[in-house]
Amino acid sequence: MRVVAKIGTASITDAIGVINREALAKLSDEVAGLRSSGHEVIVVSSGAVAAGIAALGMTSRPSDMQTLQAISAAGQSRLVEAYNIELARHGLVGAQVLLDPHDFIDRTQYLHARRTIERLLDLGCVPVVNENDAVANDELRYGDNDRLAALVANNMKADVLVLLTDMDGVYTADPRRDPSAELVPLVRSADPMLAIRADGGGSGRGSGGMASKLMAARIASWSGIRSVIARASRPDVLTGAVSDDLVGTTFESHSRILPARKLWIAFAAEVDGTIDVDAGAERALIDRPNSLLPAGVVAARGEFSAGDTVEITGPSGRAFARGMAAVEASVVRNFLGQQTSELPEGVVHEVVHRDDLVVLPD
């Protein structure tokens, strides 16, 4: 079985960002246990920024992106060094893999990333993946490693995605505020839980939270991958997740599987604008795969450019699809409602090409 295990900042660093060697040792022990049972394991690890803050003696987390990216470079080397030491106790070799969103949007990069990680697994390494924070464009970032882990799981055709956190799983309410909150052990593929927006708050030391983990579970589900959200400190949590023992909250895989590019558009990309369409265009896009043409567009909101992600809404105002715009917002506004035959020469016919458009799950 191929396992992608993601661990969050709060689970492997202390309150001031110092790497918690006991937590890292526990994770490495469990990774080694899975390896000895014949499983392949890819670790997606947060903690570089926090480790960098601690290494540089800072008393608080900076807020500007340039400083955060610089700090991550100082922390990343220390993070990987700690992994190498703990994995080496079991005769395992850690291998740093830094990715950015282009590795999933661009087909060539997507395949290159897969081949590299596949080769590392063939060589017996444990890939330790993180976002390439130090050089990532702040306009195009994952923003948290939960989504990155889900996309890695998709790329590598994983069997299970395990999101390790400082909570036991997903609750019916925030257990820190509501004592009646109950743990949700299983979420079916058609359960509305996969569509809800959870509180984005977390420990304050990382960039994720339960909302990002639910989004990651949704990406995994629509990749045909079972996922588990569980407490990192729970004994044998990885073994239990792989064995499907309901060690936290398990999310079933969905029968409908989206390719990585469309998963990125649907769940991971930031939305830069909105395109409103008429009822006929909404029906056409939902009923069959097609490109969005100017004839069905009634409005374009926001100042998006070609290649930006936009939501597509029908007369009800509900966003029923997302896509990458083929033209900028001003061009869309200039040709609202026009038939293809009416467009001037040189104007792109599609507002959103069908290869870059995905109808959102209900």
Protein backbone atom coordinates (compact mmCIF):
# COMPACT_ATOMS: atom_id res chain seq x y z
CA MET A 1 0.00 0.00 0.00
CA ARG A 2 1.21 3.52 -0.76
CA VAL A 3 0.72 5.99 2.09
CA VAL A 4 1.05 9.77 2.16
CA ALA A 5 1.37 11.03 5.74
CA LYS A 6 1.21 14.76 6.40
CA ILE A 7 2.17 16.20 9.78
CA GLY A 8 1.46 19.75 10.84
CA THR A 9 3.67 22.36 12.47
CA ALA A 10 1.91 22.15 15.84
CA SER A 11 2.55 18.41 15.97
CA ILE A 12 6.32 18.51 15.45
CA THR A 13 7.40 21.82 17.05
CA ASP A 14 6.99 23.30 20.51
CA ALA A 15 5.33 26.63 21.35
CA ILE A 16 8.33 28.68 20.19
CA GLY A 17 8.97 26.64 17.05
CA VAL A 18 11.79 24.37 18.19
CA ILE A 19 11.57 20.97 16.52
CA ASN A 20 10.11 18.41 18.93
CA ARG A 21 12.49 15.50 18.56
CA GLU A 22 10.25 13.12 20.49
CA ALA A 23 7.36 13.78 18.10
CA LEU A 24 9.63 13.37 15.10
CA ALA A 25 11.06 10.17 16.55
CA LYS A 26 7.55 8.78 17.03
CA LEU A 27 6.61 9.58 13.44
CA SER A 28 9.83 8.05 12.15
CA ASP A 29 9.25 4.91 14.24
CA GLU A 30 5.80 4.51 12.71
CA VAL A 31 7.07 5.18 9.19
CA ALA A 32 9.70 2.49 9.75
CA GLY A 33 6.99 0.12 11.00
CA LEU A 34 4.97 0.60 7.84
CA ARG A 35 8.05 0.15 5.69
CA SER A 36 8.90 -3.12 7.44
CA SER A 37 5.35 -4.30 6.65
CA GLY A 38 5.94 -3.68 2.96
CA HIS A 39 4.22 -0.31 2.60
CA GLU A 40 5.63 2.71 0.78
CA VAL A 41 5.51 5.97 2.73
CA ILE A 42 5.78 9.58 1.60
CA VAL A 43 5.95 12.19 4.35
CA VAL A 44 4.65 15.72 3.79
CA SER A 45 6.02 17.84 6.60
CA SER A 46 5.27 21.36 7.76
CA GLY A 47 7.48 23.11 10.29
CA ALA A 48 10.14 24.90 8.22
CA VAL A 49 8.96 28.42 9.06
CA ALA A 50 8.51 27.64 12.75
CA ALA A 51 11.93 25.99 12.90
CA GLY A 52 13.46 29.01 11.17
CA ILE A 53 11.89 31.41 13.67
CA ALA A 54 13.35 29.39 16.53
CA ALA A 55 16.76 29.11 14.87
CA LEU A 56 16.95 32.87 14.33
CA GLY A 57 15.86 33.64 17.88
CA MET A 58 12.71 35.51 16.89
CA THR A 59 10.02 35.97 19.52
CA SER A 60 7.04 36.03 17.14
CA ARG A 61 6.03 34.95 13.66
CA PRO A 62 6.57 37.72 11.06
CA SER A 63 3.61 38.67 8.87
CA ASP A 64 5.27 39.76 5.62
CA MET A 65 5.69 37.08 2.97
CA GLN A 66 9.27 37.91 2.01
CA THR A 67 10.52 37.45 5.57
CA LEU A 68 8.52 34.25 6.00
CA GLN A 69 10.01 32.84 2.81
CA ALA A 70 13.53 33.74 3.92
CA ILE A 71 12.97 32.22 7.35
CA SER A 72 11.71 28.99 5.79
CA ALA A 73 15.09 28.50 4.11
CA ALA A 74 16.79 28.60 7.51
CA GLY A 75 14.24 26.23 9.00
CA GLN A 76 13.98 23.76 6.12
CA SER A 77 17.58 22.58 6.42
CA ARG A 78 17.16 22.01 10.14
CA LEU A 79 13.87 20.20 9.63
CA VAL A 80 15.32 17.78 7.09
CA GLU A 81 18.43 17.25 9.23
CA ALA A 82 16.19 16.18 12.11
CA TYR A 83 14.27 13.78 9.84
CA ASN A 84 17.51 12.27 8.56
CA ILE A 85 18.76 11.61 12.08
CA GLU A 86 15.53 9.95 13.22
CA LEU A 87 15.03 7.90 10.05
CA ALA A 88 18.66 6.76 10.14
CA ARG A 89 17.96 4.99 13.45
CA HIS A 90 15.96 2.53 11.36
CA GLY A 91 18.41 2.36 8.48
CA LEU A 92 16.19 4.61 6.35
CA VAL A 93 17.28 7.51 4.17
CA GLY A 94 15.21 10.68 4.02
CA ALA A 95 15.07 12.58 0.72
CA GLN A 96 14.02 16.23 0.57
CA VAL A 97 11.47 17.09 -2.15
CA LEU A 98 10.38 20.72 -2.53
CA LEU A 99 7.36 21.40 -4.75
CA ASP A 100 5.39 24.41 -5.92
CA PRO A 101 1.95 24.70 -7.55
CA HIS A 102 3.36 24.70 -11.09
CA ASP A 103 4.37 21.10 -10.49
CA PHE A 104 0.67 20.20 -10.52
CA ILE A 105 -0.69 22.69 -13.05
CA ASP A 106 1.89 21.98 -15.76
CA ARG A 107 1.55 18.45 -17.15
CA THR A 108 5.27 18.06 -17.81
CA GLN A 109 6.18 19.13 -14.29
CA TYR A 110 3.43 16.92 -12.86
CA LEU A 111 4.88 13.85 -14.54
CA HIS A 112 8.44 14.84 -13.68
CA ALA A 113 7.54 15.15 -9.98
CA ARG A 114 5.88 11.74 -10.09
CA ARG A 115 8.86 10.08 -11.74
CA THR A 116 11.29 11.62 -9.26
CA ILE A 117 9.32 10.51 -6.20
CA GLU A 118 8.73 7.07 -7.76
CA ARG A 119 12.47 6.68 -8.23
CA LEU A 120 13.15 7.71 -4.64
CA LEU A 121 10.72 5.04 -3.47
CA ASP A 122 12.40 2.49 -5.74
CA LEU A 123 15.72 3.37 -4.11
CA GLY A 124 14.25 2.74 -0.67
CA CYS A 125 14.17 6.40 0.39
CA VAL A 126 11.50 8.12 2.45
CA PRO A 127 10.57 11.27 0.49
CA VAL A 128 10.05 14.23 2.83
CA VAL A 129 7.96 16.77 0.92
CA ASN A 130 7.35 20.43 1.64
CA GLU A 131 6.28 23.47 -0.34
CA ASN A 132 9.21 25.35 -1.81
CA ASP A 133 8.45 28.35 0.40
CA ALA A 134 11.75 30.12 -0.14
CA VAL A 135 11.12 30.78 -3.85
CA ALA A 136 7.36 30.29 -4.30
CA ASN A 137 5.55 33.24 -5.83
CA ASP A 138 3.27 34.65 -3.13
CA GLU A 139 0.56 34.98 -5.78
CA LEU A 140 0.64 31.25 -6.45
CA ARG A 141 1.18 29.16 -3.35
CA TYR A 142 -0.52 26.27 -1.62
CA GLY A 143 -0.70 28.29 1.58
CA ASP A 144 -0.82 25.13 3.65
CA ASN A 145 0.60 21.65 3.34
CA ASP A 146 -2.76 19.89 3.69
CA ARG A 147 -3.68 20.71 0.10
CA LEU A 148 -0.14 19.92 -1.01
CA ALA A 149 -0.37 16.50 0.65
CA ALA A 150 -3.68 15.77 -1.10
CA LEU A 151 -2.24 16.72 -4.48
CA VAL A 152 0.86 14.58 -3.84
CA ALA A 153 -1.44 11.68 -2.96
CA ASN A 154 -3.27 12.23 -6.25
CA ASN A 155 -0.03 12.44 -8.23
CA MET A 156 1.43 9.33 -6.64
CA LYS A 157 -1.80 7.32 -6.83
CA ALA A 158 -1.70 6.73 -3.08
CA ASP A 159 -4.04 4.32 -1.35
CA VAL A 160 -4.50 6.43 1.75
CA LEU A 161 -3.78 10.00 2.88
CA VAL A 162 -3.22 10.52 6.61
CA LEU A 163 -3.44 14.09 7.95
CA LEU A 164 -1.83 14.17 11.38
CA THR A 165 -2.87 17.05 13.61
CA ASP A 166 -3.25 18.08 17.25
CA MET A 167 -6.93 17.03 17.35
CA ASP A 168 -8.52 13.57 17.37
CA GLY A 169 -10.36 14.21 14.11
CA VAL A 170 -13.40 16.12 12.92
CA TYR A 171 -16.09 16.97 15.46
CA THR A 172 -19.73 17.97 15.12
CA ALA A 173 -18.69 21.31 16.68
CA ASP A 174 -15.51 22.89 18.01
CA PRO A 175 -14.73 20.74 21.11
CA ARG A 176 -12.72 23.63 22.58
CA ARG A 177 -15.91 25.69 22.81
CA ASP A 178 -18.72 23.14 22.89
CA PRO A 179 -18.47 20.28 25.44
CA SER A 180 -21.27 18.40 23.65
CA ALA A 181 -19.21 18.12 20.44
CA GLU A 182 -18.80 14.54 19.22
CA LEU A 183 -16.11 12.99 17.07
CA VAL A 184 -17.26 12.03 13.55
CA PRO A 185 -15.65 8.62 12.91
CA LEU A 186 -16.66 8.16 9.26
CA VAL A 187 -17.66 10.48 6.43
CA ARG A 188 -19.28 8.81 3.43
CA SER A 189 -18.41 10.00 -0.07
CA ALA A 190 -21.85 11.58 -0.50
CA ASP A 191 -21.94 13.09 2.99
CA PRO A 192 -22.53 16.87 3.15
CA MET A 193 -19.57 16.98 5.57
CA LEU A 194 -17.32 16.97 2.51
CA ALA A 195 -18.82 20.28 1.39
CA ILE A 196 -18.90 22.24 4.66
CA ARG A 197 -16.55 25.03 5.64
CA ALA A 198 -14.93 24.42 9.01
CA ASP A 199 -13.30 26.96 11.28
CA GLY A 200 -9.94 27.85 9.81
CA GLY A 201 -8.35 28.36 13.19
CA GLY A 202 -5.63 26.12 14.51
CA SER A 203 -2.77 26.36 16.92
CA GLY A 204 -1.51 29.62 15.46
CA ARG A 205 1.91 28.08 14.71
CA GLY A 206 1.00 26.76 11.27
CA SER A 207 -0.89 28.01 8.24
CA GLY A 208 -3.63 25.39 8.11
CA GLY A 209 -6.46 24.42 10.43
CA MET A 210 -9.44 22.08 10.20
CA ALA A 211 -10.83 23.93 7.17
CA SER A 212 -7.73 23.14 5.13
CA LYS A 213 -7.83 19.51 6.27
CA LEU A 214 -11.43 19.16 5.15
CA MET A 215 -10.43 20.64 1.81
CA ALA A 216 -7.58 18.14 1.57
CA ALA A 217 -9.96 15.29 2.41
CA ARG A 218 -12.25 16.53 -0.35
CA ILE A 219 -9.40 16.60 -2.86
CA ALA A 220 -8.39 13.08 -1.82
CA SER A 221 -11.95 11.81 -2.05
CA TRP A 222 -12.29 13.16 -5.60
CA SER A 223 -8.97 11.50 -6.39
CA GLY A 224 -10.37 8.10 -5.40
CA ILE A 225 -8.27 8.06 -2.22
CA ARG A 226 -9.37 7.28 1.32
CA SER A 227 -8.17 9.85 3.84
CA VAL A 228 -7.89 10.03 7.62
CA ILE A 229 -7.63 13.00 9.98
CA ALA A 230 -6.18 11.90 13.33
CA ARG A 231 -4.11 13.01 16.30
CA ALA A 232 -0.37 12.76 15.64
CA SER A 233 0.40 11.74 19.23
CA ARG A 234 -1.99 8.78 19.18
CA PRO A 235 -0.07 5.50 19.53
CA ASP A 236 0.31 3.58 16.24
CA VAL A 237 -1.82 6.16 14.45
CA LEU A 238 -0.31 5.44 11.01
CA THR A 239 -0.74 1.69 11.36
CA GLY A 240 -4.35 2.18 12.43
CA ALA A 241 -5.06 4.55 9.54
CA VAL A 242 -3.59 2.15 7.00
CA SER A 243 -5.57 -0.74 8.51
CA ASP A 244 -8.76 1.36 8.35
CA ASP A 245 -9.30 1.06 12.11
CA LEU A 246 -11.14 4.42 12.42
CA VAL A 247 -8.36 5.99 14.48
CA GLY A 248 -9.77 9.48 13.86
CA THR A 249 -12.12 10.63 11.12
CA THR A 250 -12.04 8.57 7.94
CA PHE A 251 -13.27 9.97 4.62
CA GLU A 252 -14.36 7.51 1.96
CA SER A 253 -13.10 7.85 -1.59
CA HIS A 254 -15.55 9.07 -4.24
CA SER A 255 -16.53 7.10 -7.32
CA ARG A 256 -16.04 10.17 -9.54
CA ILE A 257 -12.33 10.90 -9.99
CA LEU A 258 -10.98 14.23 -11.24
CA PRO A 259 -7.55 14.66 -12.87
CA ALA A 260 -4.95 16.68 -10.96
CA ARG A 261 -5.31 19.83 -13.06
CA LYS A 262 -9.05 19.97 -12.45
CA LEU A 263 -8.58 19.16 -8.78
CA TRP A 264 -6.29 22.18 -8.53
CA ILE A 265 -8.87 24.40 -10.23
CA ALA A 266 -11.79 23.08 -8.21
CA PHE A 267 -10.30 22.94 -4.74
CA ALA A 268 -6.82 24.42 -4.45
CA ALA A 269 -6.51 27.55 -6.59
CA GLU A 270 -7.39 31.01 -5.30
CA VAL A 271 -10.39 32.59 -7.04
CA ASP A 272 -9.65 35.90 -8.77
CA GLY A 273 -13.06 36.74 -10.22
CA THR A 274 -16.56 35.60 -11.12
CA ILE A 275 -18.32 35.01 -14.43
CA ASP A 276 -22.13 35.08 -14.40
CA VAL A 277 -23.90 33.02 -17.05
CA ASP A 278 -27.51 32.58 -18.15
CA ALA A 279 -29.64 29.53 -17.44
CA GLY A 280 -28.96 27.99 -20.84
CA ALA A 281 -25.21 28.13 -20.39
CA GLU A 282 -25.49 26.71 -16.87
CA ARG A 283 -27.50 23.74 -18.12
CA ALA A 284 -25.11 23.15 -21.01
CA LEU A 285 -22.03 23.14 -18.81
CA ILE A 286 -23.60 20.83 -16.22
CA ASP A 287 -25.13 18.40 -18.72
CA ARG A 288 -22.07 17.85 -20.91
CA PRO A 289 -18.39 18.83 -20.96
CA ASN A 290 -18.08 21.99 -23.03
CA SER A 291 -16.26 25.29 -23.20
CA LEU A 292 -17.87 28.46 -21.91
CA LEU A 293 -18.48 30.83 -24.82
CA PRO A 294 -19.28 34.58 -24.71
CA ALA A 295 -22.86 33.92 -25.89
CA GLY A 296 -23.84 32.55 -22.47
CA VAL A 297 -22.06 35.16 -20.34
CA VAL A 298 -24.04 38.00 -18.77
CA ALA A 299 -21.41 39.60 -16.50
CA ALA A 300 -17.77 39.41 -15.43
CA ARG A 301 -16.84 40.54 -11.92
CA GLY A 302 -13.34 41.24 -10.67
CA GLU A 303 -10.17 42.09 -12.56
CA PHE A 304 -8.88 38.68 -13.54
CA SER A 305 -6.31 37.90 -16.24
CA ALA A 306 -5.93 34.99 -18.64
CA GLY A 307 -4.88 31.96 -16.60
CA ASP A 308 -6.54 33.16 -13.40
CA THR A 309 -9.14 30.98 -11.69
CA VAL A 310 -12.73 32.19 -11.80
CA GLU A 311 -15.99 30.95 -10.35
CA ILE A 312 -18.92 30.49 -12.70
CA THR A 313 -22.37 31.27 -11.33
CA GLY A 314 -25.85 30.79 -12.73
CA PRO A 315 -28.99 32.94 -12.32
CA SER A 316 -29.43 31.71 -8.73
CA GLY A 317 -26.05 33.13 -7.75
CA ARG A 318 -24.69 29.69 -6.82
CA ALA A 319 -21.16 28.95 -8.00
CA PHE A 320 -21.63 25.68 -9.90
CA ALA A 321 -18.28 25.54 -11.70
CA ARG A 322 -14.74 26.86 -11.71
CA GLY A 323 -12.26 27.33 -14.47
CA MET A 324 -9.13 29.06 -15.71
CA ALA A 325 -10.05 32.12 -17.73
CA ALA A 326 -8.81 32.07 -21.32
CA VAL A 327 -9.05 35.87 -21.58
CA GLU A 328 -8.92 38.81 -19.19
CA ALA A 329 -12.01 40.32 -17.58
CA SER A 330 -12.11 43.41 -19.83
CA VAL A 331 -12.27 41.22 -22.95
CA VAL A 332 -15.14 39.20 -21.48
CA ARG A 333 -17.07 42.41 -20.74
CA ASN A 334 -16.54 43.71 -24.27
CA PHE A 335 -18.19 40.68 -25.85
CA LEU A 336 -20.96 39.70 -23.43
CA GLY A 337 -23.65 37.60 -25.08
CA GLN A 338 -22.07 37.63 -28.53
CA GLN A 339 -22.12 34.60 -30.79
CA THR A 340 -18.82 33.13 -31.95
CA SER A 341 -19.48 34.33 -35.49
CA GLU A 342 -19.80 37.90 -34.21
CA LEU A 343 -16.40 38.01 -32.51
CA PRO A 344 -13.67 40.09 -34.18
CA GLU A 345 -10.77 38.24 -35.78
CA GLY A 346 -8.07 37.36 -33.28
CA VAL A 347 -10.36 37.24 -30.23
CA VAL A 348 -10.22 33.92 -28.36
CA HIS A 349 -13.56 32.15 -28.78
CA GLU A 350 -13.63 30.48 -25.37
CA VAL A 351 -14.05 32.40 -22.13
CA VAL A 352 -13.07 29.19 -20.32
CA HIS A 353 -11.87 26.20 -22.31
CA ARG A 354 -13.48 22.87 -21.40
CA ASP A 355 -10.07 21.38 -20.49
CA ASP A 356 -9.74 24.09 -17.84
CA LEU A 357 -13.31 23.93 -16.53
CA VAL A 358 -14.75 21.69 -13.81
CA VAL A 359 -18.34 21.44 -12.61
CA LEU A 360 -18.22 21.52 -8.82
CA PRO A 361 -19.63 18.61 -6.81
CA ASP A 362 -22.84 19.36 -4.92
